């Protein structure tokens, strides 16, 4: 099991400040359980076993002290339970498009494209919707009800 001195010092500081030490999956021990991904097994400061004082089979906790550049379509997950590149689930999740456009995935990358639909005041009705009150920018299904007020 590897031990990172500066991290142990940080764990001690966190405990002194009332903050709980970082949690990660169990690793090490007599079975030599590895950490997931690129995770690193460090001594668990909450137990009485010290690998520097003869505790060769001490259990530890996994930490993710690594960073990586991932292949296209993947993102880095730095949680101690993963510590690896994982498939990106939604490339549009962090994209904010301007009004009148929407994010779509083209060739695996996010792109803002004009929304296809009927213009309705400051908005554009989505597919299958119609503008029922342009002054308020309200869209409904073709057979839907709509308020008949004027908005500023």
N, C-alpha and C. Protein backbone atom coordinates (compact mmCIF):
# COMPACT_ATOMS: atom_id res chain seq x y z
N UNK A 1 0.84 -1.17 0.00
CA UNK A 1 0.00 0.00 0.00
C UNK A 1 0.88 1.23 0.00
N UNK A 2 0.55 2.20 -0.82
CA UNK A 2 1.29 3.45 -0.87
C UNK A 2 0.74 4.39 0.19
N UNK A 3 1.60 5.24 0.70
CA UNK A 3 1.17 6.22 1.67
C UNK A 3 1.65 7.57 1.20
N UNK A 4 0.76 8.53 1.15
CA UNK A 4 1.10 9.87 0.71
C UNK A 4 1.15 10.76 1.94
N UNK A 5 2.36 11.20 2.29
CA UNK A 5 2.56 11.98 3.51
C UNK A 5 1.76 13.26 3.56
N UNK A 6 1.73 14.02 2.45
CA UNK A 6 1.00 15.28 2.47
C UNK A 6 -0.49 15.06 2.62
N UNK A 7 -1.01 13.95 2.08
CA UNK A 7 -2.43 13.69 2.20
C UNK A 7 -2.78 13.31 3.63
N UNK A 8 -1.89 12.55 4.28
CA UNK A 8 -2.13 12.20 5.67
C UNK A 8 -2.14 13.47 6.50
N UNK A 9 -1.22 14.41 6.21
CA UNK A 9 -1.21 15.68 6.93
C UNK A 9 -2.52 16.43 6.70
N UNK A 10 -3.03 16.43 5.46
CA UNK A 10 -4.30 17.10 5.18
C UNK A 10 -5.44 16.43 5.92
N UNK A 11 -5.43 15.09 6.00
CA UNK A 11 -6.48 14.39 6.72
C UNK A 11 -6.46 14.80 8.19
N UNK A 12 -5.27 14.96 8.76
CA UNK A 12 -5.16 15.40 10.14
C UNK A 12 -5.69 16.81 10.32
N UNK A 13 -5.39 17.69 9.39
CA UNK A 13 -5.88 19.06 9.46
C UNK A 13 -7.39 19.07 9.37
N UNK A 14 -7.95 18.28 8.45
CA UNK A 14 -9.41 18.24 8.30
C UNK A 14 -10.06 17.76 9.58
N UNK A 15 -9.47 16.74 10.23
CA UNK A 15 -10.04 16.22 11.46
C UNK A 15 -9.97 17.26 12.58
N UNK A 16 -8.88 18.05 12.63
CA UNK A 16 -8.75 19.07 13.66
C UNK A 16 -9.75 20.20 13.45
N UNK A 17 -10.11 20.47 12.22
CA UNK A 17 -11.05 21.56 11.94
C UNK A 17 -12.49 21.10 12.06
N UNK A 18 -12.73 19.90 12.48
CA UNK A 18 -14.07 19.39 12.64
C UNK A 18 -14.65 18.76 11.38
N UNK A 19 -13.96 18.87 10.27
CA UNK A 19 -14.45 18.27 9.02
C UNK A 19 -14.09 16.80 9.01
N UNK A 20 -14.99 15.96 8.52
CA UNK A 20 -14.65 14.53 8.45
C UNK A 20 -13.59 14.28 7.39
N UNK A 21 -12.74 13.29 7.62
CA UNK A 21 -11.74 12.97 6.60
C UNK A 21 -12.42 12.46 5.35
N UNK A 22 -11.77 12.55 4.20
CA UNK A 22 -12.39 12.09 2.96
C UNK A 22 -12.72 10.61 3.02
N UNK A 23 -13.82 10.25 2.41
CA UNK A 23 -14.26 8.85 2.38
C UNK A 23 -14.00 8.28 1.00
N UNK A 24 -13.60 7.06 0.95
CA UNK A 24 -13.42 6.36 -0.32
C UNK A 24 -13.66 4.89 -0.07
N UNK A 25 -13.69 4.09 -1.11
CA UNK A 25 -13.88 2.66 -0.91
C UNK A 25 -12.70 2.03 -0.17
N UNK A 26 -12.97 0.94 0.50
CA UNK A 26 -11.93 0.20 1.22
C UNK A 26 -10.95 -0.40 0.23
N UNK A 27 -9.68 -0.42 0.62
CA UNK A 27 -8.64 -1.03 -0.21
C UNK A 27 -7.56 -1.60 0.70
N UNK A 28 -6.61 -2.28 0.10
CA UNK A 28 -5.48 -2.82 0.86
C UNK A 28 -5.88 -4.01 1.71
N UNK A 29 -5.42 -4.01 2.94
CA UNK A 29 -5.72 -5.10 3.85
C UNK A 29 -4.95 -6.36 3.49
N UNK A 30 -5.24 -7.43 4.19
CA UNK A 30 -4.52 -8.69 3.97
C UNK A 30 -4.77 -9.24 2.56
N UNK A 31 -5.94 -8.90 1.98
CA UNK A 31 -6.26 -9.38 0.63
C UNK A 31 -5.66 -8.49 -0.46
N UNK A 32 -5.10 -7.36 -0.08
CA UNK A 32 -4.51 -6.45 -1.06
C UNK A 32 -5.53 -5.93 -2.07
N UNK A 33 -6.71 -5.55 -1.61
CA UNK A 33 -7.79 -5.09 -2.49
C UNK A 33 -7.36 -3.81 -3.20
N UNK A 34 -7.38 -3.79 -4.54
CA UNK A 34 -6.97 -2.59 -5.27
C UNK A 34 -8.07 -1.54 -5.33
N UNK A 35 -7.67 -0.32 -5.64
CA UNK A 35 -8.62 0.76 -5.85
C UNK A 35 -9.12 0.70 -7.29
N UNK A 36 -10.32 1.21 -7.53
CA UNK A 36 -10.81 1.24 -8.91
C UNK A 36 -10.05 2.25 -9.75
N UNK A 37 -10.00 2.03 -11.06
CA UNK A 37 -9.37 2.97 -11.98
C UNK A 37 -7.94 3.29 -11.59
N UNK A 38 -7.62 4.58 -11.58
CA UNK A 38 -6.28 5.04 -11.23
C UNK A 38 -6.21 5.45 -9.76
N UNK A 39 -7.17 4.99 -8.96
CA UNK A 39 -7.21 5.33 -7.54
C UNK A 39 -5.98 4.84 -6.80
N UNK A 40 -5.67 5.54 -5.72
CA UNK A 40 -4.50 5.22 -4.90
C UNK A 40 -4.95 4.85 -3.50
N UNK A 41 -4.42 3.77 -2.97
CA UNK A 41 -4.76 3.30 -1.63
C UNK A 41 -3.85 3.99 -0.62
N UNK A 42 -4.45 4.74 0.31
CA UNK A 42 -3.69 5.43 1.35
C UNK A 42 -4.15 4.94 2.72
N UNK A 43 -3.31 5.11 3.70
CA UNK A 43 -3.62 4.67 5.06
C UNK A 43 -4.89 5.36 5.56
N UNK A 44 -5.74 4.60 6.20
CA UNK A 44 -6.95 5.15 6.81
C UNK A 44 -6.57 5.68 8.19
N UNK A 45 -6.56 7.00 8.39
CA UNK A 45 -6.11 7.56 9.67
C UNK A 45 -7.09 7.31 10.81
N UNK A 46 -8.26 6.79 10.52
CA UNK A 46 -9.26 6.56 11.57
C UNK A 46 -9.07 5.23 12.28
N UNK A 47 -8.20 4.35 11.75
CA UNK A 47 -8.00 3.08 12.43
C UNK A 47 -6.70 3.11 13.23
N UNK A 48 -6.47 2.05 14.02
CA UNK A 48 -5.28 1.96 14.86
C UNK A 48 -4.11 1.29 14.16
N UNK A 49 -4.27 0.89 12.92
CA UNK A 49 -3.22 0.20 12.19
C UNK A 49 -2.36 1.22 11.45
N UNK A 50 -1.05 1.13 11.65
CA UNK A 50 -0.13 2.08 11.01
C UNK A 50 0.90 1.29 10.21
N UNK A 51 0.91 1.44 8.88
CA UNK A 51 1.86 0.67 8.07
C UNK A 51 3.31 1.05 8.36
N UNK A 52 3.56 2.23 8.93
CA UNK A 52 4.91 2.63 9.27
C UNK A 52 5.38 2.04 10.59
N UNK A 53 4.45 1.43 11.35
CA UNK A 53 4.80 0.83 12.63
C UNK A 53 4.50 -0.67 12.63
N UNK A 54 4.77 -1.32 11.51
CA UNK A 54 4.66 -2.77 11.44
C UNK A 54 3.32 -3.30 10.95
N UNK A 55 2.38 -2.45 10.66
CA UNK A 55 1.07 -2.91 10.19
C UNK A 55 1.08 -3.17 8.69
N UNK A 56 1.68 -4.27 8.28
CA UNK A 56 1.84 -4.57 6.86
C UNK A 56 0.52 -4.87 6.17
N UNK A 57 -0.49 -5.31 6.92
CA UNK A 57 -1.77 -5.67 6.32
C UNK A 57 -2.87 -4.66 6.63
N UNK A 58 -2.50 -3.41 6.85
CA UNK A 58 -3.49 -2.38 7.18
C UNK A 58 -4.44 -2.14 6.01
N UNK A 59 -5.69 -1.90 6.36
CA UNK A 59 -6.66 -1.50 5.35
C UNK A 59 -6.48 -0.02 5.08
N UNK A 60 -6.95 0.41 3.93
CA UNK A 60 -6.84 1.82 3.58
C UNK A 60 -8.11 2.32 2.95
N UNK A 61 -8.04 3.54 2.43
CA UNK A 61 -9.14 4.12 1.70
C UNK A 61 -8.61 4.58 0.34
N UNK A 62 -9.45 4.50 -0.66
CA UNK A 62 -9.06 4.91 -2.01
C UNK A 62 -9.25 6.40 -2.18
N UNK A 63 -8.28 7.02 -2.82
CA UNK A 63 -8.36 8.42 -3.19
C UNK A 63 -8.02 8.53 -4.66
N UNK A 64 -8.60 9.53 -5.31
CA UNK A 64 -8.29 9.77 -6.71
C UNK A 64 -7.41 11.00 -6.77
N UNK A 65 -6.11 10.78 -6.85
CA UNK A 65 -5.14 11.87 -6.92
C UNK A 65 -4.58 12.01 -8.33
N UNK A 66 -5.32 11.54 -9.31
CA UNK A 66 -4.87 11.55 -10.69
C UNK A 66 -5.79 12.43 -11.54
N UNK A 67 -5.27 12.87 -12.65
CA UNK A 67 -6.08 13.53 -13.67
C UNK A 67 -5.70 12.92 -15.00
N UNK A 68 -6.58 13.03 -15.97
CA UNK A 68 -6.28 12.42 -17.26
C UNK A 68 -7.01 13.15 -18.37
N UNK A 69 -6.48 13.05 -19.55
CA UNK A 69 -7.17 13.52 -20.74
C UNK A 69 -7.86 12.30 -21.33
N UNK A 70 -9.17 12.42 -21.53
CA UNK A 70 -9.95 11.27 -21.99
C UNK A 70 -10.18 11.35 -23.49
N UNK A 71 -10.41 10.20 -24.09
CA UNK A 71 -10.73 10.12 -25.51
C UNK A 71 -12.05 10.82 -25.77
N UNK A 72 -12.28 11.25 -27.01
CA UNK A 72 -13.51 11.91 -27.38
C UNK A 72 -14.70 11.02 -27.01
N UNK A 73 -15.72 11.64 -26.45
CA UNK A 73 -16.90 10.90 -26.03
C UNK A 73 -16.81 10.40 -24.61
N UNK A 74 -15.69 10.70 -23.92
CA UNK A 74 -15.50 10.29 -22.54
C UNK A 74 -15.13 11.51 -21.69
N UNK A 75 -15.43 11.44 -20.40
CA UNK A 75 -15.09 12.50 -19.46
C UNK A 75 -14.41 11.87 -18.24
N UNK A 76 -13.63 12.68 -17.52
CA UNK A 76 -12.92 12.21 -16.33
C UNK A 76 -13.85 12.22 -15.13
N UNK A 77 -13.93 11.12 -14.42
CA UNK A 77 -14.69 11.01 -13.17
C UNK A 77 -13.69 10.85 -12.04
N UNK A 78 -13.50 11.92 -11.25
CA UNK A 78 -12.48 11.93 -10.20
C UNK A 78 -12.99 11.40 -8.87
N UNK A 79 -14.17 10.82 -8.82
CA UNK A 79 -14.66 10.27 -7.56
C UNK A 79 -13.78 9.08 -7.16
N UNK A 80 -13.56 8.87 -5.86
CA UNK A 80 -12.72 7.75 -5.43
C UNK A 80 -13.26 6.39 -5.84
N UNK A 81 -14.57 6.31 -6.11
CA UNK A 81 -15.18 5.05 -6.52
C UNK A 81 -14.93 4.72 -7.99
N UNK A 82 -14.44 5.70 -8.78
CA UNK A 82 -14.25 5.49 -10.22
C UNK A 82 -12.82 5.80 -10.63
N UNK A 83 -12.39 7.06 -10.52
CA UNK A 83 -11.04 7.51 -10.85
C UNK A 83 -10.60 7.01 -12.23
N UNK A 84 -11.42 7.33 -13.24
CA UNK A 84 -11.14 6.86 -14.60
C UNK A 84 -11.97 7.66 -15.60
N UNK A 85 -11.68 7.46 -16.88
CA UNK A 85 -12.49 8.05 -17.94
C UNK A 85 -13.75 7.19 -18.10
N UNK A 86 -14.89 7.86 -18.21
CA UNK A 86 -16.16 7.18 -18.39
C UNK A 86 -16.88 7.77 -19.60
N UNK A 87 -17.77 7.02 -20.20
CA UNK A 87 -18.50 7.56 -21.36
C UNK A 87 -19.28 8.81 -20.97
N UNK A 88 -19.22 9.82 -21.82
CA UNK A 88 -20.02 11.03 -21.61
C UNK A 88 -21.46 10.68 -21.92
N UNK A 89 -22.36 11.00 -21.02
CA UNK A 89 -23.74 10.61 -21.21
C UNK A 89 -24.53 11.63 -22.03
N UNK A 90 -24.23 12.90 -21.90
CA UNK A 90 -24.97 13.91 -22.65
C UNK A 90 -24.06 15.08 -22.97
N UNK A 91 -23.56 15.17 -24.19
CA UNK A 91 -22.67 16.27 -24.55
C UNK A 91 -23.33 17.64 -24.43
N UNK A 92 -24.65 17.69 -24.43
CA UNK A 92 -25.35 18.97 -24.32
C UNK A 92 -25.61 19.39 -22.87
N UNK A 93 -25.24 18.56 -21.91
CA UNK A 93 -25.56 18.85 -20.51
C UNK A 93 -25.00 20.19 -20.03
N UNK A 94 -23.85 20.61 -20.50
CA UNK A 94 -23.25 21.86 -20.03
C UNK A 94 -23.28 22.96 -21.08
N UNK A 95 -24.17 22.82 -22.08
CA UNK A 95 -24.23 23.81 -23.16
C UNK A 95 -25.48 24.68 -22.98
N UNK A 96 -25.29 25.98 -23.03
CA UNK A 96 -26.40 26.92 -22.96
C UNK A 96 -26.50 27.61 -24.32
N UNK A 97 -27.59 27.36 -25.01
CA UNK A 97 -27.79 27.94 -26.34
C UNK A 97 -28.61 29.23 -26.22
N UNK A 98 -28.47 30.12 -27.20
CA UNK A 98 -29.22 31.36 -27.19
C UNK A 98 -30.69 31.08 -27.50
N UNK A 99 -31.55 32.04 -27.16
CA UNK A 99 -32.98 31.92 -27.38
C UNK A 99 -33.24 31.64 -28.86
N UNK A 100 -34.14 30.71 -29.11
CA UNK A 100 -34.47 30.35 -30.48
C UNK A 100 -33.63 29.21 -31.03
N UNK A 101 -32.67 28.73 -30.23
CA UNK A 101 -31.86 27.59 -30.64
C UNK A 101 -31.91 26.53 -29.57
N UNK A 102 -31.52 25.33 -29.94
CA UNK A 102 -31.45 24.22 -28.98
C UNK A 102 -30.18 23.43 -29.23
N UNK A 103 -29.74 22.72 -28.20
CA UNK A 103 -28.53 21.91 -28.32
C UNK A 103 -28.90 20.54 -28.86
N UNK A 104 -28.20 20.13 -29.90
CA UNK A 104 -28.34 18.79 -30.46
C UNK A 104 -26.94 18.20 -30.60
N UNK A 105 -26.85 16.90 -30.61
CA UNK A 105 -25.56 16.22 -30.77
C UNK A 105 -25.35 15.91 -32.24
N UNK A 106 -24.27 16.46 -32.81
CA UNK A 106 -23.91 16.21 -34.20
C UNK A 106 -22.49 15.65 -34.23
N UNK A 107 -22.32 14.47 -34.77
CA UNK A 107 -21.02 13.79 -34.81
C UNK A 107 -20.39 13.68 -33.43
N UNK A 108 -21.22 13.44 -32.42
CA UNK A 108 -20.73 13.26 -31.06
C UNK A 108 -20.41 14.55 -30.33
N UNK A 109 -20.67 15.70 -30.94
CA UNK A 109 -20.35 16.99 -30.32
C UNK A 109 -21.61 17.83 -30.20
N UNK A 110 -21.69 18.67 -29.15
CA UNK A 110 -22.87 19.52 -29.01
C UNK A 110 -22.85 20.67 -30.02
N UNK A 111 -24.04 21.04 -30.52
CA UNK A 111 -24.16 22.16 -31.45
C UNK A 111 -25.50 22.85 -31.21
N UNK A 112 -25.50 24.18 -31.23
CA UNK A 112 -26.74 24.94 -31.10
C UNK A 112 -27.31 25.18 -32.49
N UNK A 113 -28.53 24.74 -32.70
CA UNK A 113 -29.18 24.88 -34.01
C UNK A 113 -30.53 25.56 -33.81
N UNK A 114 -31.02 26.25 -34.84
CA UNK A 114 -32.34 26.89 -34.72
C UNK A 114 -33.41 25.86 -34.40
N UNK A 115 -34.33 26.27 -33.53
CA UNK A 115 -35.44 25.38 -33.18
C UNK A 115 -36.43 25.39 -34.33
N UNK A 116 -36.77 24.21 -34.78
CA UNK A 116 -37.77 24.10 -35.85
C UNK A 116 -39.14 24.20 -35.20
N UNK A 117 -39.90 25.16 -35.64
CA UNK A 117 -41.24 25.33 -35.09
C UNK A 117 -41.76 26.72 -35.37
N UNK A 118 -42.95 26.95 -34.89
CA UNK A 118 -43.65 28.20 -35.13
C UNK A 118 -43.14 29.30 -34.20
N UNK A 119 -42.81 30.49 -34.73
CA UNK A 119 -42.43 31.60 -33.86
C UNK A 119 -43.63 32.03 -33.02
N UNK A 120 -43.36 32.41 -31.77
CA UNK A 120 -44.44 32.78 -30.85
C UNK A 120 -43.91 33.84 -29.90
N UNK A 121 -43.99 35.09 -30.27
CA UNK A 121 -43.45 36.16 -29.45
C UNK A 121 -41.96 36.01 -29.33
N UNK A 122 -41.46 35.96 -28.09
CA UNK A 122 -40.02 35.82 -27.85
C UNK A 122 -39.56 34.37 -27.83
N UNK A 123 -40.42 33.44 -28.10
CA UNK A 123 -40.06 32.02 -28.10
C UNK A 123 -40.37 31.39 -29.45
N UNK A 124 -39.99 30.15 -29.59
CA UNK A 124 -40.34 29.35 -30.76
C UNK A 124 -40.98 28.08 -30.26
N UNK A 125 -42.16 27.78 -30.75
CA UNK A 125 -42.86 26.58 -30.31
C UNK A 125 -42.11 25.35 -30.80
N UNK A 126 -42.04 24.36 -29.94
CA UNK A 126 -41.39 23.11 -30.30
C UNK A 126 -42.24 22.29 -31.25
N UNK A 127 -41.68 21.18 -31.69
CA UNK A 127 -42.38 20.30 -32.61
C UNK A 127 -43.72 19.86 -32.02
N UNK A 128 -44.78 19.94 -32.82
CA UNK A 128 -46.10 19.50 -32.39
C UNK A 128 -46.86 20.53 -31.59
N UNK A 129 -46.28 21.72 -31.37
CA UNK A 129 -46.96 22.77 -30.62
C UNK A 129 -47.29 23.93 -31.54
N UNK A 130 -48.30 24.70 -31.14
CA UNK A 130 -48.69 25.89 -31.90
C UNK A 130 -48.68 27.09 -30.96
N UNK A 131 -48.55 28.27 -31.54
CA UNK A 131 -48.57 29.49 -30.76
C UNK A 131 -50.03 29.83 -30.44
N UNK A 132 -50.35 29.96 -29.16
CA UNK A 132 -51.72 30.31 -28.79
C UNK A 132 -51.80 31.73 -28.24
N UNK A 133 -50.68 32.30 -27.79
CA UNK A 133 -50.68 33.67 -27.28
C UNK A 133 -49.29 34.24 -27.53
N UNK A 134 -49.13 34.95 -28.63
CA UNK A 134 -47.82 35.48 -29.02
C UNK A 134 -47.31 36.53 -28.04
N UNK A 135 -48.20 37.34 -27.45
CA UNK A 135 -47.73 38.40 -26.55
C UNK A 135 -47.09 37.80 -25.29
N UNK A 136 -47.51 36.61 -24.90
CA UNK A 136 -46.93 35.94 -23.73
C UNK A 136 -45.94 34.84 -24.11
N UNK A 137 -45.86 34.52 -25.40
CA UNK A 137 -44.96 33.45 -25.85
C UNK A 137 -45.40 32.09 -25.37
N UNK A 138 -46.72 31.84 -25.39
CA UNK A 138 -47.26 30.57 -24.89
C UNK A 138 -47.58 29.65 -26.06
N UNK A 139 -47.06 28.45 -25.99
CA UNK A 139 -47.32 27.42 -27.00
C UNK A 139 -48.11 26.30 -26.35
N UNK A 140 -48.98 25.68 -27.11
CA UNK A 140 -49.78 24.56 -26.62
C UNK A 140 -49.91 23.51 -27.71
N UNK A 141 -50.39 22.32 -27.36
CA UNK A 141 -50.75 21.36 -28.41
C UNK A 141 -51.88 21.98 -29.25
N UNK A 142 -52.06 21.55 -30.48
CA UNK A 142 -53.07 22.15 -31.36
C UNK A 142 -54.48 22.19 -30.74
N UNK A 143 -54.82 21.23 -29.91
CA UNK A 143 -56.15 21.22 -29.30
C UNK A 143 -56.13 21.71 -27.86
N UNK A 144 -55.04 22.36 -27.43
CA UNK A 144 -54.88 22.81 -26.05
C UNK A 144 -55.58 24.14 -25.78
N UNK A 145 -55.80 24.41 -24.51
CA UNK A 145 -56.43 25.66 -24.08
C UNK A 145 -55.33 26.71 -23.84
N UNK A 146 -55.72 27.97 -23.89
CA UNK A 146 -54.73 29.04 -23.73
C UNK A 146 -55.39 30.23 -23.06
N UNK A 147 -54.61 30.93 -22.23
CA UNK A 147 -55.12 32.15 -21.62
C UNK A 147 -55.14 33.26 -22.67
N UNK A 148 -56.13 34.10 -22.60
CA UNK A 148 -56.26 35.19 -23.57
C UNK A 148 -56.02 36.53 -22.88
N UNK A 149 -54.79 36.75 -22.45
CA UNK A 149 -54.41 38.02 -21.86
C UNK A 149 -53.25 38.60 -22.67
N UNK A 150 -53.01 39.88 -22.49
CA UNK A 150 -51.89 40.50 -23.18
C UNK A 150 -50.74 40.63 -22.19
N UNK A 151 -49.58 40.15 -22.57
CA UNK A 151 -48.38 40.27 -21.74
C UNK A 151 -47.51 41.40 -22.27
N UNK A 152 -46.73 41.97 -21.40
CA UNK A 152 -45.83 43.05 -21.82
C UNK A 152 -44.53 42.49 -22.34
